[in-house]
Each structure stands twice: as structure tokens, then as C-alpha cells.
Amino acid sequence: HSQARAAKMIKDKTNEHIQNTPELRAQLQPFSETSEAVLKWISNFNSYMTNQVWPPKTSSAVKEYYESR
């Protein structure tokens, strides 16, 4: 799966779990599209830290943020 697809799957599965678990449903809001974007960033950073190469579809914003740190 691409990182974007993986992030969407994580968000969707987490939201499904929240909706199907009464105690979580009462306490948590479903993850948003913003949450999905954060998961993509985490995935890009994790891939870079593991392989020392950015994944092909990594956005320039992610690379610039990393280089600014």
C-alpha cells in the first residue's frame, strides 16, 4: 500500500473501532482528515529514519520541515 492509502486505512479502522466500542465512543471524537495527514507525516519520517531515503511521494513540506530541525 502507498503511505497515503495506509494512513487512510489506519484512520478508518481506528474510527470504526471507536464507533464500535461504547466506552470509546463516549470519550473520543473520530479522527479527521487532519489526523490522516499527520499519519502520513509520521509514516514518511519513520520510513526515512529506517531507510535514510525519503519515500518517492514524500511532500516537499515534510522534507523542508525535517531539514529545518
PDB file of N, CA and C in Angstrom:
ATOM      1  N   HIS A   1       0.829  -1.190   0.000  1.00  0.00           N
ATOM      2  CA  HIS A   1       0.000   0.000   0.000  1.00  0.00           C
ATOM      3  C   HIS A   1       0.875   1.256   0.000  1.00  0.00           C
ATOM      4  N   SER A   2       0.378   2.277  -0.638  1.00  0.00           N
ATOM      5  CA  SER A   2       1.081   3.556  -0.564  1.00  0.00           C
ATOM      6  C   SER A   2       0.912   4.116   0.843  1.00  0.00           C
ATOM      7  N   GLN A   3       1.753   5.072   1.206  1.00  0.00           N
ATOM      8  CA  GLN A   3       1.652   5.664   2.533  1.00  0.00           C
ATOM      9  C   GLN A   3       0.320   6.366   2.726  1.00  0.00           C
ATOM     10  N   ALA A   4      -0.165   7.028   1.681  1.00  0.00           N
ATOM     11  CA  ALA A   4      -1.458   7.718   1.794  1.00  0.00           C
ATOM     12  C   ALA A   4      -2.572   6.707   2.045  1.00  0.00           C
ATOM     13  N   ARG A   5      -2.535   5.616   1.319  1.00  0.00           N
ATOM     14  CA  ARG A   5      -3.560   4.582   1.497  1.00  0.00           C
ATOM     15  C   ARG A   5      -3.454   3.947   2.884  1.00  0.00           C
ATOM     16  N   ALA A   6      -2.227   3.709   3.334  1.00  0.00           N
ATOM     17  CA  ALA A   6      -2.028   3.130   4.663  1.00  0.00           C
ATOM     18  C   ALA A   6      -2.551   4.074   5.739  1.00  0.00           C
ATOM     19  N   ALA A   7      -2.269   5.367   5.605  1.00  0.00           N
ATOM     20  CA  ALA A   7      -2.748   6.342   6.586  1.00  0.00           C
ATOM     21  C   ALA A   7      -4.271   6.380   6.609  1.00  0.00           C
ATOM     22  N   LYS A   8      -4.896   6.330   5.431  1.00  0.00           N
ATOM     23  CA  LYS A   8      -6.362   6.330   5.356  1.00  0.00           C
ATOM     24  C   LYS A   8      -6.927   5.067   6.012  1.00  0.00           C
ATOM     25  N   MET A   9      -6.288   3.931   5.770  1.00  0.00           N
ATOM     26  CA  MET A   9      -6.754   2.682   6.373  1.00  0.00           C
ATOM     27  C   MET A   9      -6.648   2.734   7.900  1.00  0.00           C
ATOM     28  N   ILE A  10      -5.528   3.282   8.423  1.00  0.00           N
ATOM     29  CA  ILE A  10      -5.366   3.396   9.875  1.00  0.00           C
ATOM     30  C   ILE A  10      -6.460   4.285  10.451  1.00  0.00           C
ATOM     31  N   LYS A  11      -6.687   5.439   9.797  1.00  0.00           N
ATOM     32  CA  LYS A  11      -7.728   6.361  10.267  1.00  0.00           C
ATOM     33  C   LYS A  11      -9.089   5.676  10.248  1.00  0.00           C
ATOM     34  N   ASP A  12      -9.426   5.027   9.143  1.00  0.00           N
ATOM     35  CA  ASP A  12     -10.739   4.393   9.008  1.00  0.00           C
ATOM     36  C   ASP A  12     -10.929   3.268  10.019  1.00  0.00           C
ATOM     37  N   LYS A  13      -9.910   2.431  10.196  1.00  0.00           N
ATOM     38  CA  LYS A  13     -10.013   1.315  11.144  1.00  0.00           C
ATOM     39  C   LYS A  13     -10.117   1.829  12.586  1.00  0.00           C
ATOM     40  N   THR A  14      -9.360   2.883  12.904  1.00  0.00           N
ATOM     41  CA  THR A  14      -9.432   3.466  14.243  1.00  0.00           C
ATOM     42  C   THR A  14     -10.817   4.048  14.486  1.00  0.00           C
ATOM     43  N   ASN A  15     -11.343   4.775  13.508  1.00  0.00           N
ATOM     44  CA  ASN A  15     -12.695   5.345  13.646  1.00  0.00           C
ATOM     45  C   ASN A  15     -13.741   4.247  13.801  1.00  0.00           C
ATOM     46  N   GLU A  16     -13.590   3.177  13.046  1.00  0.00           N
ATOM     47  CA  GLU A  16     -14.524   2.048  13.146  1.00  0.00           C
ATOM     48  C   GLU A  16     -14.474   1.456  14.559  1.00  0.00           C
ATOM     49  N   HIS A  17     -13.268   1.311  15.087  1.00  0.00           N
ATOM     50  CA  HIS A  17     -13.111   0.769  16.450  1.00  0.00           C
ATOM     51  C   HIS A  17     -13.757   1.699  17.479  1.00  0.00           C
ATOM     52  N   ILE A  18     -13.538   3.003  17.321  1.00  0.00           N
ATOM     53  CA  ILE A  18     -14.149   3.980  18.236  1.00  0.00           C
ATOM     54  C   ILE A  18     -15.675   3.858  18.180  1.00  0.00           C
ATOM     55  N   GLN A  19     -16.229   3.792  16.964  1.00  0.00           N
ATOM     56  CA  GLN A  19     -17.687   3.733  16.814  1.00  0.00           C
ATOM     57  C   GLN A  19     -18.271   2.431  17.361  1.00  0.00           C
ATOM     58  N   ASN A  20     -17.502   1.340  17.310  1.00  0.00           N
ATOM     59  CA  ASN A  20     -17.998   0.033  17.748  1.00  0.00           C
ATOM     60  C   ASN A  20     -17.746  -0.259  19.223  1.00  0.00           C
ATOM     61  N   THR A  21     -17.077   0.656  19.929  1.00  0.00           N
ATOM     62  CA  THR A  21     -16.756   0.448  21.343  1.00  0.00           C
ATOM     63  C   THR A  21     -17.448   1.548  22.157  1.00  0.00           C
ATOM     64  N   PRO A  22     -18.524   1.193  22.872  1.00  0.00           N
ATOM     65  CA  PRO A  22     -19.319   2.215  23.565  1.00  0.00           C
ATOM     66  C   PRO A  22     -18.507   3.146  24.473  1.00  0.00           C
ATOM     67  N   GLU A  23     -17.548   2.569  25.256  1.00  0.00           N
ATOM     68  CA  GLU A  23     -16.801   3.448  26.160  1.00  0.00           C
ATOM     69  C   GLU A  23     -15.906   4.422  25.402  1.00  0.00           C
ATOM     70  N   LEU A  24     -15.366   4.007  24.255  1.00  0.00           N
ATOM     71  CA  LEU A  24     -14.556   4.919  23.442  1.00  0.00           C
ATOM     72  C   LEU A  24     -15.437   5.949  22.739  1.00  0.00           C
ATOM     73  N   ARG A  25     -16.571   5.485  22.238  1.00  0.00           N
ATOM     74  CA  ARG A  25     -17.489   6.378  21.532  1.00  0.00           C
ATOM     75  C   ARG A  25     -17.924   7.535  22.431  1.00  0.00           C
ATOM     76  N   ALA A  26     -18.082   7.257  23.729  1.00  0.00           N
ATOM     77  CA  ALA A  26     -18.496   8.286  24.682  1.00  0.00           C
ATOM     78  C   ALA A  26     -17.375   9.274  24.995  1.00  0.00           C
ATOM     79  N   GLN A  27     -16.120   8.867  24.800  1.00  0.00           N
ATOM     80  CA  GLN A  27     -14.989   9.690  25.210  1.00  0.00           C
ATOM     81  C   GLN A  27     -14.218  10.324  24.059  1.00  0.00           C
ATOM     82  N   LEU A  28     -14.241   9.730  22.883  1.00  0.00           N
ATOM     83  CA  LEU A  28     -13.383  10.182  21.787  1.00  0.00           C
ATOM     84  C   LEU A  28     -14.177  10.678  20.587  1.00  0.00           C
ATOM     85  N   GLN A  29     -13.605  11.648  19.897  1.00  0.00           N
ATOM     86  CA  GLN A  29     -14.129  12.091  18.615  1.00  0.00           C
ATOM     87  C   GLN A  29     -13.449  11.281  17.521  1.00  0.00           C
ATOM     88  N   PRO A  30     -14.142  10.979  16.430  1.00  0.00           N
ATOM     89  CA  PRO A  30     -13.478  10.273  15.320  1.00  0.00           C
ATOM     90  C   PRO A  30     -12.300  11.083  14.778  1.00  0.00           C
ATOM     91  N   PHE A  31     -11.323  10.375  14.254  1.00  0.00           N
ATOM     92  CA  PHE A  31     -10.183  11.036  13.627  1.00  0.00           C
ATOM     93  C   PHE A  31     -10.643  11.732  12.354  1.00  0.00           C
ATOM     94  N   SER A  32     -10.052  12.876  12.078  1.00  0.00           N
ATOM     95  CA  SER A  32     -10.434  13.698  10.933  1.00  0.00           C
ATOM     96  C   SER A  32      -9.450  13.527   9.785  1.00  0.00           C
ATOM     97  N   GLU A  33      -9.702  14.257   8.706  1.00  0.00           N
ATOM     98  CA  GLU A  33      -8.763  14.266   7.582  1.00  0.00           C
ATOM     99  C   GLU A  33      -7.415  14.836   8.023  1.00  0.00           C
ATOM    100  N   THR A  34      -7.445  15.780   8.980  1.00  0.00           N
ATOM    101  CA  THR A  34      -6.194  16.319   9.523  1.00  0.00           C
ATOM    102  C   THR A  34      -5.396  15.215  10.191  1.00  0.00           C
ATOM    103  N   SER A  35      -6.072  14.350  10.912  1.00  0.00           N
ATOM    104  CA  SER A  35      -5.402  13.224  11.563  1.00  0.00           C
ATOM    105  C   SER A  35      -4.743  12.324  10.520  1.00  0.00           C
ATOM    106  N   GLU A  36      -5.418  12.134   9.411  1.00  0.00           N
ATOM    107  CA  GLU A  36      -4.859  11.309   8.333  1.00  0.00           C
ATOM    108  C   GLU A  36      -3.571  11.944   7.799  1.00  0.00           C
ATOM    109  N   ALA A  37      -3.574  13.259   7.658  1.00  0.00           N
ATOM    110  CA  ALA A  37      -2.376  13.956   7.188  1.00  0.00           C
ATOM    111  C   ALA A  37      -1.219  13.769   8.172  1.00  0.00           C
ATOM    112  N   VAL A  38      -1.527  13.821   9.466  1.00  0.00           N
ATOM    113  CA  VAL A  38      -0.490  13.616  10.483  1.00  0.00           C
ATOM    114  C   VAL A  38       0.079  12.204  10.374  1.00  0.00           C
ATOM    115  N   LEU A  39      -0.791  11.212  10.161  1.00  0.00           N
ATOM    116  CA  LEU A  39      -0.322   9.838   9.998  1.00  0.00           C
ATOM    117  C   LEU A  39       0.600   9.710   8.784  1.00  0.00           C
ATOM    118  N   LYS A  40       0.304  10.440   7.708  1.00  0.00           N
ATOM    119  CA  LYS A  40       1.172  10.416   6.527  1.00  0.00           C
ATOM    120  C   LYS A  40       2.552  10.978   6.865  1.00  0.00           C
ATOM    121  N   TRP A  41       2.569  12.090   7.615  1.00  0.00           N
ATOM    122  CA  TRP A  41       3.851  12.686   8.029  1.00  0.00           C
ATOM    123  C   TRP A  41       4.643  11.680   8.856  1.00  0.00           C
ATOM    124  N   ILE A  42       3.991  11.062   9.837  1.00  0.00           N
ATOM    125  CA  ILE A  42       4.667  10.082  10.696  1.00  0.00           C
ATOM    126  C   ILE A  42       5.225   8.940   9.857  1.00  0.00           C
ATOM    127  N   SER A  43       4.444   8.463   8.917  1.00  0.00           N
ATOM    128  CA  SER A  43       4.880   7.383   8.047  1.00  0.00           C
ATOM    129  C   SER A  43       6.103   7.786   7.237  1.00  0.00           C
ATOM    130  N   ASN A  44       6.102   9.011   6.689  1.00  0.00           N
ATOM    131  CA  ASN A  44       7.254   9.494   5.928  1.00  0.00           C
ATOM    132  C   ASN A  44       8.498   9.564   6.800  1.00  0.00           C
ATOM    133  N   PHE A  45       8.367  10.142   7.994  1.00  0.00           N
ATOM    134  CA  PHE A  45       9.515  10.254   8.891  1.00  0.00           C
ATOM    135  C   PHE A  45      10.033   8.883   9.307  1.00  0.00           C
ATOM    136  N   ASN A  46       9.107   7.971   9.638  1.00  0.00           N
ATOM    137  CA  ASN A  46       9.505   6.631  10.046  1.00  0.00           C
ATOM    138  C   ASN A  46      10.262   5.939   8.919  1.00  0.00           C
ATOM    139  N   SER A  47       9.763   6.057   7.712  1.00  0.00           N
ATOM    140  CA  SER A  47      10.422   5.432   6.565  1.00  0.00           C
ATOM    141  C   SER A  47      11.817   6.016   6.355  1.00  0.00           C
ATOM    142  N   TYR A  48      11.924   7.345   6.494  1.00  0.00           N
ATOM    143  CA  TYR A  48      13.220   7.991   6.319  1.00  0.00           C
ATOM    144  C   TYR A  48      14.202   7.547   7.401  1.00  0.00           C
ATOM    145  N   MET A  49      13.761   7.509   8.642  1.00  0.00           N
ATOM    146  CA  MET A  49      14.642   7.112   9.743  1.00  0.00           C
ATOM    147  C   MET A  49      15.109   5.664   9.578  1.00  0.00           C
ATOM    148  N   THR A  50      14.250   4.821   9.053  1.00  0.00           N
ATOM    149  CA  THR A  50      14.597   3.419   8.870  1.00  0.00           C
ATOM    150  C   THR A  50      15.529   3.208   7.679  1.00  0.00           C
ATOM    151  N   ASN A  51      15.236   3.893   6.570  1.00  0.00           N
ATOM    152  CA  ASN A  51      15.951   3.621   5.315  1.00  0.00           C
ATOM    153  C   ASN A  51      16.938   4.693   4.891  1.00  0.00           C
ATOM    154  N   GLN A  52      16.905   5.850   5.557  1.00  0.00           N
ATOM    155  CA  GLN A  52      17.743   7.001   5.199  1.00  0.00           C
ATOM    156  C   GLN A  52      17.498   7.478   3.767  1.00  0.00           C
ATOM    157  N   VAL A  53      16.303   7.207   3.257  1.00  0.00           N
ATOM    158  CA  VAL A  53      15.870   7.666   1.936  1.00  0.00           C
ATOM    159  C   VAL A  53      14.398   8.042   2.074  1.00  0.00           C
ATOM    160  N   TRP A  54      14.032   9.211   1.520  1.00  0.00           N
ATOM    161  CA  TRP A  54      12.627   9.614   1.568  1.00  0.00           C
ATOM    162  C   TRP A  54      11.818   8.756   0.602  1.00  0.00           C
ATOM    163  N   PRO A  55      10.615   8.341   0.997  1.00  0.00           N
ATOM    164  CA  PRO A  55       9.733   7.644   0.069  1.00  0.00           C
ATOM    165  C   PRO A  55       9.451   8.539  -1.138  1.00  0.00           C
ATOM    166  N   PRO A  56       9.231   7.954  -2.312  1.00  0.00           N
ATOM    167  CA  PRO A  56       9.062   8.743  -3.540  1.00  0.00           C
ATOM    168  C   PRO A  56       7.988   9.829  -3.473  1.00  0.00           C
ATOM    169  N   LYS A  57       6.876   9.594  -2.781  1.00  0.00           N
ATOM    170  CA  LYS A  57       5.772  10.565  -2.777  1.00  0.00           C
ATOM    171  C   LYS A  57       5.807  11.510  -1.571  1.00  0.00           C
ATOM    172  N   THR A  58       6.938  11.564  -0.863  1.00  0.00           N
ATOM    173  CA  THR A  58       7.033  12.463   0.284  1.00  0.00           C
ATOM    174  C   THR A  58       6.919  13.903  -0.190  1.00  0.00           C
ATOM    175  N   SER A  59       6.072  14.683   0.476  1.00  0.00           N
ATOM    176  CA  SER A  59       5.895  16.074   0.058  1.00  0.00           C
ATOM    177  C   SER A  59       7.123  16.903   0.418  1.00  0.00           C
ATOM    178  N   SER A  60       7.326  17.968  -0.327  1.00  0.00           N
ATOM    179  CA  SER A  60       8.463  18.850  -0.061  1.00  0.00           C
ATOM    180  C   SER A  60       8.315  19.506   1.308  1.00  0.00           C
ATOM    181  N   ALA A  61       7.082  19.716   1.767  1.00  0.00           N
ATOM    182  CA  ALA A  61       6.864  20.322   3.088  1.00  0.00           C
ATOM    183  C   ALA A  61       7.442  19.445   4.189  1.00  0.00           C
ATOM    184  N   VAL A  62       7.298  18.144   4.065  1.00  0.00           N
ATOM    185  CA  VAL A  62       7.834  17.222   5.067  1.00  0.00           C
ATOM    186  C   VAL A  62       9.358  17.296   5.066  1.00  0.00           C
ATOM    187  N   LYS A  63       9.954  17.252   3.889  1.00  0.00           N
ATOM    188  CA  LYS A  63      11.421  17.311   3.781  1.00  0.00           C
ATOM    189  C   LYS A  63      11.954  18.630   4.323  1.00  0.00           C
ATOM    190  N   GLU A  64      11.305  19.741   3.956  1.00  0.00           N
ATOM    191  CA  GLU A  64      11.749  21.058   4.428  1.00  0.00           C
ATOM    192  C   GLU A  64      11.625  21.161   5.940  1.00  0.00           C
ATOM    193  N   TYR A  65      10.554  20.616   6.503  1.00  0.00           N
ATOM    194  CA  TYR A  65      10.394  20.644   7.957  1.00  0.00           C
ATOM    195  C   TYR A  65      11.522  19.854   8.609  1.00  0.00           C
ATOM    196  N   TYR A  66      11.823  18.685   8.092  1.00  0.00           N
ATOM    197  CA  TYR A  66      12.885  17.849   8.659  1.00  0.00           C
ATOM    198  C   TYR A  66      14.230  18.583   8.578  1.00  0.00           C
ATOM    199  N   GLU A  67      14.521  19.187   7.443  1.00  0.00           N
ATOM    200  CA  GLU A  67      15.804  19.872   7.257  1.00  0.00           C
ATOM    201  C   GLU A  67      15.908  21.111   8.136  1.00  0.00           C
ATOM    202  N   SER A  68      14.791  21.723   8.485  1.00  0.00           N
ATOM    203  CA  SER A  68      14.815  22.924   9.327  1.00  0.00           C
ATOM    204  C   SER A  68      15.083  22.600  10.795  1.00  0.00           C
ATOM    205  N   ARG A  69      14.975  21.347  11.150  1.00  0.00           N
ATOM    206  CA  ARG A  69      15.178  20.942  12.544  1.00  0.00           C
ATOM    207  C   ARG A  69      16.611  20.649  12.756  1.00  0.00           C
TER     208      ARG A  69
END
